[in-house]
Amino acid sequence: MPVPRASATFVNTTYDEEPYDDREGTVLGRIHIARTFEGDLEGQSSAELLTARTEAGSAAYVALDRIAGRLGDRSGSFVLSHHGTVSAAGAATAASVVPDSGTGELVGLRGRGSISVDGDGTHRLTLEYEFDR
């Protein structure tokens, strides 16, 4: 049986960034973001990110998003852990559902995916998922 795949776009509705260490050319920061998702995943999330940005333009982040809404035909919430890097060589991200974080009809959710940004600035989440129960 094929693993279900969800694709959604999202918009950052709030974006609050606070640098906390800017020594030696790399700025470390914390970002709080509220997001709205549309597509196979519909809902809202609250995210916390830790970031590093270099003078050369490279960057990295680690993040946790608590997403509440509907995934396919099930409703509830879950936590998504994700991280990524950006450099002159390109961008790479990875995401995974935090085990046992599903609530409501999303209890037992497992999954992995990625986040990308299209050339026009559209943010996308792709998630392959299944349920333990």
N, C-alpha and C. Protein backbone atom coordinates (compact mmCIF):
# COMPACT_ATOMS: atom_id res chain seq x y z
N MET A 1 0.84 -1.18 0.00
CA MET A 1 0.00 0.00 0.00
C MET A 1 0.89 1.25 0.00
N PRO A 2 0.65 2.19 -0.91
CA PRO A 2 1.49 3.38 -0.97
C PRO A 2 1.31 4.27 0.27
N VAL A 3 2.39 4.95 0.63
CA VAL A 3 2.36 5.87 1.77
C VAL A 3 1.67 7.16 1.32
N PRO A 4 0.68 7.65 2.10
CA PRO A 4 0.02 8.91 1.73
C PRO A 4 1.03 10.06 1.70
N ARG A 5 0.79 10.98 0.79
CA ARG A 5 1.66 12.15 0.65
C ARG A 5 0.79 13.40 0.68
N ALA A 6 1.12 14.32 1.56
CA ALA A 6 0.39 15.58 1.67
C ALA A 6 1.27 16.70 1.13
N SER A 7 0.64 17.62 0.43
CA SER A 7 1.33 18.81 -0.07
C SER A 7 0.51 20.02 0.34
N ALA A 8 1.17 21.01 0.91
CA ALA A 8 0.47 22.21 1.35
C ALA A 8 1.36 23.42 1.12
N THR A 9 0.73 24.55 0.88
CA THR A 9 1.45 25.82 0.87
C THR A 9 1.18 26.50 2.21
N PHE A 10 2.08 27.39 2.60
CA PHE A 10 1.83 28.12 3.83
C PHE A 10 2.33 29.55 3.73
N VAL A 11 1.69 30.40 4.53
CA VAL A 11 2.01 31.81 4.61
C VAL A 11 2.40 32.11 6.05
N ASN A 12 3.49 32.84 6.22
CA ASN A 12 3.88 33.30 7.55
C ASN A 12 3.07 34.55 7.87
N THR A 13 2.16 34.44 8.85
CA THR A 13 1.29 35.57 9.17
C THR A 13 1.92 36.50 10.20
N THR A 14 2.83 36.01 11.03
CA THR A 14 3.66 36.86 11.87
C THR A 14 5.08 36.33 11.81
N TYR A 15 6.04 37.24 11.97
CA TYR A 15 7.46 36.88 11.89
C TYR A 15 8.21 37.83 12.81
N ASP A 16 8.58 37.35 13.98
CA ASP A 16 9.29 38.17 14.97
C ASP A 16 10.68 37.60 15.19
N GLU A 17 11.71 38.34 14.76
CA GLU A 17 13.09 37.88 14.84
C GLU A 17 13.85 38.69 15.88
N GLU A 18 14.66 37.99 16.67
CA GLU A 18 15.47 38.64 17.69
C GLU A 18 16.89 38.06 17.67
N PRO A 19 17.88 38.84 17.22
CA PRO A 19 19.26 38.37 17.28
C PRO A 19 19.70 38.26 18.75
N TYR A 20 20.49 37.25 19.07
CA TYR A 20 20.99 37.14 20.44
C TYR A 20 22.50 37.01 20.53
N ASP A 21 23.19 36.86 19.40
CA ASP A 21 24.66 36.79 19.41
C ASP A 21 25.14 37.13 18.01
N ASP A 22 25.91 38.21 17.88
CA ASP A 22 26.37 38.62 16.55
C ASP A 22 27.89 38.76 16.48
N ARG A 23 28.59 37.96 17.24
CA ARG A 23 30.05 38.01 17.24
C ARG A 23 30.63 37.31 16.01
N GLU A 24 31.78 37.78 15.59
CA GLU A 24 32.63 37.10 14.61
C GLU A 24 31.95 36.81 13.28
N GLY A 25 31.03 37.67 12.85
CA GLY A 25 30.49 37.56 11.50
C GLY A 25 29.30 36.65 11.29
N THR A 26 28.91 35.89 12.29
CA THR A 26 27.72 35.04 12.17
C THR A 26 26.71 35.48 13.22
N VAL A 27 25.52 35.81 12.77
CA VAL A 27 24.46 36.27 13.68
C VAL A 27 23.59 35.08 14.06
N LEU A 28 23.45 34.84 15.36
CA LEU A 28 22.53 33.82 15.87
C LEU A 28 21.25 34.52 16.27
N GLY A 29 20.11 33.91 15.95
CA GLY A 29 18.84 34.54 16.26
C GLY A 29 17.75 33.54 16.63
N ARG A 30 16.70 34.10 17.20
CA ARG A 30 15.48 33.35 17.51
C ARG A 30 14.36 34.00 16.71
N ILE A 31 13.50 33.16 16.15
CA ILE A 31 12.37 33.67 15.38
C ILE A 31 11.10 32.97 15.84
N HIS A 32 10.05 33.76 16.08
CA HIS A 32 8.72 33.20 16.34
C HIS A 32 7.88 33.50 15.10
N ILE A 33 7.23 32.45 14.57
CA ILE A 33 6.41 32.59 13.37
C ILE A 33 5.05 31.96 13.60
N ALA A 34 3.99 32.64 13.16
CA ALA A 34 2.66 32.03 13.06
C ALA A 34 2.42 31.79 11.58
N ARG A 35 1.88 30.61 11.24
CA ARG A 35 1.68 30.23 9.84
C ARG A 35 0.24 29.78 9.61
N THR A 36 -0.21 29.92 8.37
CA THR A 36 -1.48 29.36 7.92
C THR A 36 -1.19 28.43 6.74
N PHE A 37 -1.72 27.19 6.82
CA PHE A 37 -1.49 26.17 5.80
C PHE A 37 -2.75 25.96 4.96
N GLU A 38 -2.56 25.71 3.65
CA GLU A 38 -3.65 25.37 2.75
C GLU A 38 -3.22 24.22 1.85
N GLY A 39 -4.15 23.33 1.56
CA GLY A 39 -3.87 22.18 0.70
C GLY A 39 -4.29 20.91 1.40
N ASP A 40 -3.49 19.84 1.25
CA ASP A 40 -3.79 18.58 1.92
C ASP A 40 -3.69 18.71 3.44
N LEU A 41 -2.93 19.70 3.88
CA LEU A 41 -2.85 20.08 5.30
C LEU A 41 -3.42 21.47 5.40
N GLU A 42 -4.49 21.62 6.20
CA GLU A 42 -5.11 22.93 6.41
C GLU A 42 -5.10 23.23 7.88
N GLY A 43 -4.69 24.44 8.24
CA GLY A 43 -4.68 24.83 9.65
C GLY A 43 -3.69 25.94 9.92
N GLN A 44 -3.35 26.05 11.21
CA GLN A 44 -2.43 27.08 11.66
C GLN A 44 -1.32 26.44 12.48
N SER A 45 -0.20 27.16 12.56
CA SER A 45 0.88 26.67 13.42
C SER A 45 1.55 27.83 14.14
N SER A 46 2.23 27.45 15.21
CA SER A 46 3.09 28.35 15.95
C SER A 46 4.47 27.71 15.91
N ALA A 47 5.47 28.46 15.44
CA ALA A 47 6.81 27.91 15.25
C ALA A 47 7.86 28.72 16.00
N GLU A 48 8.87 28.03 16.49
CA GLU A 48 10.05 28.65 17.08
C GLU A 48 11.26 28.15 16.32
N LEU A 49 12.09 29.07 15.86
CA LEU A 49 13.28 28.73 15.10
C LEU A 49 14.52 29.31 15.77
N LEU A 50 15.61 28.58 15.72
CA LEU A 50 16.94 29.10 16.04
C LEU A 50 17.69 29.18 14.72
N THR A 51 18.35 30.32 14.47
CA THR A 51 18.98 30.54 13.18
C THR A 51 20.44 30.96 13.32
N ALA A 52 21.20 30.75 12.26
CA ALA A 52 22.56 31.27 12.12
C ALA A 52 22.68 31.83 10.72
N ARG A 53 23.12 33.10 10.61
CA ARG A 53 23.30 33.74 9.31
C ARG A 53 24.73 34.27 9.23
N THR A 54 25.43 33.91 8.16
CA THR A 54 26.82 34.34 8.00
C THR A 54 26.91 35.60 7.15
N GLU A 55 28.05 36.29 7.23
CA GLU A 55 28.27 37.48 6.39
C GLU A 55 28.26 37.12 4.91
N ALA A 56 28.65 35.89 4.58
CA ALA A 56 28.69 35.45 3.18
C ALA A 56 27.31 35.12 2.61
N GLY A 57 26.28 35.12 3.47
CA GLY A 57 24.93 34.86 3.00
C GLY A 57 24.42 33.45 3.24
N SER A 58 25.24 32.59 3.80
CA SER A 58 24.77 31.24 4.15
C SER A 58 23.95 31.31 5.43
N ALA A 59 23.10 30.31 5.63
CA ALA A 59 22.26 30.30 6.82
C ALA A 59 21.87 28.87 7.17
N ALA A 60 21.49 28.69 8.42
CA ALA A 60 20.97 27.40 8.90
C ALA A 60 19.90 27.68 9.94
N TYR A 61 18.97 26.72 10.09
CA TYR A 61 17.95 26.85 11.13
C TYR A 61 17.56 25.48 11.66
N VAL A 62 17.05 25.48 12.88
CA VAL A 62 16.37 24.32 13.46
C VAL A 62 15.05 24.85 14.01
N ALA A 63 13.97 24.05 13.93
CA ALA A 63 12.66 24.58 14.29
C ALA A 63 11.72 23.50 14.79
N LEU A 64 10.73 23.97 15.56
CA LEU A 64 9.58 23.16 15.97
C LEU A 64 8.32 23.93 15.62
N ASP A 65 7.38 23.28 14.94
CA ASP A 65 6.07 23.85 14.61
C ASP A 65 5.00 23.00 15.27
N ARG A 66 4.11 23.60 16.04
CA ARG A 66 2.90 22.90 16.50
C ARG A 66 1.81 23.27 15.50
N ILE A 67 1.36 22.26 14.75
CA ILE A 67 0.38 22.48 13.68
C ILE A 67 -0.96 21.91 14.12
N ALA A 68 -2.01 22.74 14.06
CA ALA A 68 -3.36 22.31 14.42
C ALA A 68 -4.26 22.51 13.21
N GLY A 69 -5.04 21.46 12.88
CA GLY A 69 -5.94 21.58 11.75
C GLY A 69 -6.35 20.23 11.22
N ARG A 70 -6.38 20.12 9.89
CA ARG A 70 -6.83 18.91 9.22
C ARG A 70 -5.73 18.41 8.29
N LEU A 71 -5.41 17.12 8.41
CA LEU A 71 -4.48 16.44 7.51
C LEU A 71 -5.29 15.36 6.81
N GLY A 72 -5.50 15.52 5.50
CA GLY A 72 -6.38 14.60 4.79
C GLY A 72 -7.78 14.71 5.37
N ASP A 73 -8.34 13.59 5.83
CA ASP A 73 -9.69 13.61 6.40
C ASP A 73 -9.68 13.52 7.92
N ARG A 74 -8.54 13.79 8.56
CA ARG A 74 -8.42 13.71 10.02
C ARG A 74 -8.06 15.07 10.60
N SER A 75 -8.60 15.35 11.78
CA SER A 75 -8.34 16.61 12.46
C SER A 75 -7.60 16.38 13.77
N GLY A 76 -6.82 17.36 14.16
CA GLY A 76 -6.07 17.31 15.41
C GLY A 76 -4.86 18.21 15.30
N SER A 77 -3.83 17.87 16.07
CA SER A 77 -2.59 18.64 16.01
C SER A 77 -1.40 17.69 16.10
N PHE A 78 -0.23 18.21 15.73
CA PHE A 78 1.02 17.46 15.86
C PHE A 78 2.17 18.45 15.84
N VAL A 79 3.34 17.98 16.24
CA VAL A 79 4.53 18.82 16.22
C VAL A 79 5.45 18.34 15.11
N LEU A 80 5.91 19.28 14.31
CA LEU A 80 6.83 19.00 13.21
C LEU A 80 8.20 19.58 13.57
N SER A 81 9.21 18.73 13.55
CA SER A 81 10.60 19.16 13.75
C SER A 81 11.22 19.30 12.37
N HIS A 82 11.90 20.44 12.12
CA HIS A 82 12.56 20.59 10.81
C HIS A 82 13.82 21.43 10.93
N HIS A 83 14.69 21.25 9.94
CA HIS A 83 15.95 21.99 9.91
C HIS A 83 16.37 22.17 8.47
N GLY A 84 17.24 23.16 8.25
CA GLY A 84 17.68 23.40 6.89
C GLY A 84 18.92 24.25 6.82
N THR A 85 19.53 24.26 5.63
CA THR A 85 20.69 25.09 5.34
C THR A 85 20.50 25.74 3.97
N VAL A 86 21.11 26.92 3.82
CA VAL A 86 21.12 27.63 2.55
C VAL A 86 22.54 28.14 2.34
N SER A 87 23.07 27.92 1.14
CA SER A 87 24.40 28.42 0.79
C SER A 87 24.44 28.66 -0.71
N ALA A 88 25.59 29.09 -1.20
CA ALA A 88 25.74 29.29 -2.64
C ALA A 88 25.52 27.99 -3.41
N ALA A 89 25.73 26.85 -2.75
CA ALA A 89 25.55 25.54 -3.38
C ALA A 89 24.09 25.13 -3.47
N GLY A 90 23.19 25.82 -2.76
CA GLY A 90 21.78 25.48 -2.80
C GLY A 90 21.18 25.41 -1.41
N ALA A 91 19.98 24.86 -1.34
CA ALA A 91 19.25 24.75 -0.07
C ALA A 91 18.85 23.30 0.17
N ALA A 92 18.81 22.93 1.44
CA ALA A 92 18.37 21.58 1.82
C ALA A 92 17.59 21.66 3.12
N THR A 93 16.49 20.93 3.20
CA THR A 93 15.70 20.87 4.43
C THR A 93 15.27 19.43 4.68
N ALA A 94 14.92 19.17 5.91
CA ALA A 94 14.34 17.88 6.29
C ALA A 94 13.37 18.13 7.42
N ALA A 95 12.29 17.35 7.45
CA ALA A 95 11.27 17.51 8.48
C ALA A 95 10.79 16.14 8.93
N SER A 96 10.38 16.05 10.19
CA SER A 96 9.78 14.81 10.68
C SER A 96 8.77 15.14 11.77
N VAL A 97 7.74 14.31 11.83
CA VAL A 97 6.74 14.43 12.88
C VAL A 97 7.36 13.93 14.18
N VAL A 98 7.23 14.71 15.24
CA VAL A 98 7.74 14.28 16.55
C VAL A 98 6.89 13.09 17.00
N PRO A 99 7.54 11.96 17.31
CA PRO A 99 6.78 10.77 17.72
C PRO A 99 5.86 11.07 18.91
N ASP A 100 4.66 10.51 18.87
CA ASP A 100 3.67 10.62 19.94
C ASP A 100 3.15 12.03 20.17
N SER A 101 3.34 12.94 19.20
CA SER A 101 2.86 14.32 19.37
C SER A 101 1.46 14.53 18.81
N GLY A 102 0.91 13.56 18.08
CA GLY A 102 -0.41 13.72 17.48
C GLY A 102 -1.52 13.73 18.52
N THR A 103 -2.53 14.58 18.28
CA THR A 103 -3.71 14.64 19.15
C THR A 103 -4.96 14.44 18.30
N GLY A 104 -6.09 14.23 18.99
CA GLY A 104 -7.36 14.05 18.28
C GLY A 104 -7.27 12.88 17.32
N GLU A 105 -7.73 13.09 16.09
CA GLU A 105 -7.69 12.04 15.07
C GLU A 105 -6.29 11.84 14.48
N LEU A 106 -5.32 12.65 14.92
CA LEU A 106 -3.94 12.52 14.43
C LEU A 106 -3.05 11.75 15.40
N VAL A 107 -3.65 11.13 16.43
CA VAL A 107 -2.88 10.26 17.32
C VAL A 107 -2.27 9.14 16.48
N GLY A 108 -1.00 8.84 16.71
CA GLY A 108 -0.32 7.79 15.97
C GLY A 108 0.31 8.24 14.67
N LEU A 109 0.25 9.55 14.37
CA LEU A 109 0.83 10.07 13.14
C LEU A 109 2.36 9.93 13.14
N ARG A 110 2.88 9.43 12.04
CA ARG A 110 4.32 9.38 11.78
C ARG A 110 4.55 9.96 10.40
N GLY A 111 5.69 10.61 10.19
CA GLY A 111 5.95 11.12 8.86
C GLY A 111 7.27 11.85 8.73
N ARG A 112 7.66 12.01 7.46
CA ARG A 112 8.89 12.73 7.10
C ARG A 112 8.59 13.56 5.86
N GLY A 113 9.32 14.66 5.73
CA GLY A 113 9.10 15.48 4.56
C GLY A 113 10.14 16.56 4.40
N SER A 114 9.74 17.61 3.69
CA SER A 114 10.65 18.73 3.44
C SER A 114 9.85 20.01 3.24
N ILE A 115 10.56 21.11 3.37
CA ILE A 115 10.00 22.43 3.14
C ILE A 115 10.80 23.07 2.02
N SER A 116 10.12 23.72 1.09
CA SER A 116 10.81 24.40 -0.01
C SER A 116 10.16 25.75 -0.26
N VAL A 117 10.88 26.60 -0.98
CA VAL A 117 10.37 27.91 -1.37
C VAL A 117 10.50 28.01 -2.88
N ASP A 118 9.37 28.23 -3.55
CA ASP A 118 9.37 28.39 -5.00
C ASP A 118 10.03 29.71 -5.40
N GLY A 119 10.33 29.84 -6.68
CA GLY A 119 10.93 31.06 -7.20
C GLY A 119 10.09 32.30 -6.95
N ASP A 120 8.77 32.14 -6.85
CA ASP A 120 7.89 33.28 -6.60
C ASP A 120 7.69 33.55 -5.11
N GLY A 121 8.40 32.80 -4.25
CA GLY A 121 8.30 33.02 -2.80
C GLY A 121 7.28 32.14 -2.10
N THR A 122 6.55 31.31 -2.83
CA THR A 122 5.57 30.42 -2.22
C THR A 122 6.28 29.35 -1.39
N HIS A 123 5.88 29.23 -0.12
CA HIS A 123 6.44 28.21 0.77
C HIS A 123 5.60 26.93 0.67
N ARG A 124 6.29 25.78 0.60
CA ARG A 124 5.61 24.49 0.47
C ARG A 124 6.13 23.50 1.50
N LEU A 125 5.19 22.71 2.04
CA LEU A 125 5.52 21.58 2.90
C LEU A 125 5.03 20.32 2.18
N THR A 126 5.92 19.35 2.05
CA THR A 126 5.56 18.04 1.52
C THR A 126 5.81 17.03 2.63
N LEU A 127 4.83 16.17 2.90
CA LEU A 127 4.92 15.24 4.02
C LEU A 127 4.40 13.87 3.59
N GLU A 128 5.24 12.85 3.72
CA GLU A 128 4.80 11.46 3.56
C GLU A 128 4.49 10.96 4.95
N TYR A 129 3.29 10.37 5.14
CA TYR A 129 2.86 10.05 6.49
C TYR A 129 2.05 8.77 6.54
N GLU A 130 1.93 8.25 7.74
CA GLU A 130 1.06 7.11 8.02
C GLU A 130 0.71 7.14 9.50
N PHE A 131 -0.18 6.24 9.90
CA PHE A 131 -0.64 6.19 11.28
C PHE A 131 -0.33 4.83 11.89
N ASP A 132 0.07 4.85 13.16
CA ASP A 132 0.30 3.61 13.90
C ASP A 132 -1.01 2.90 14.17
N ARG A 133 -2.10 3.69 14.30
CA ARG A 133 -3.40 3.12 14.69
C ARG A 133 -4.42 3.35 13.62
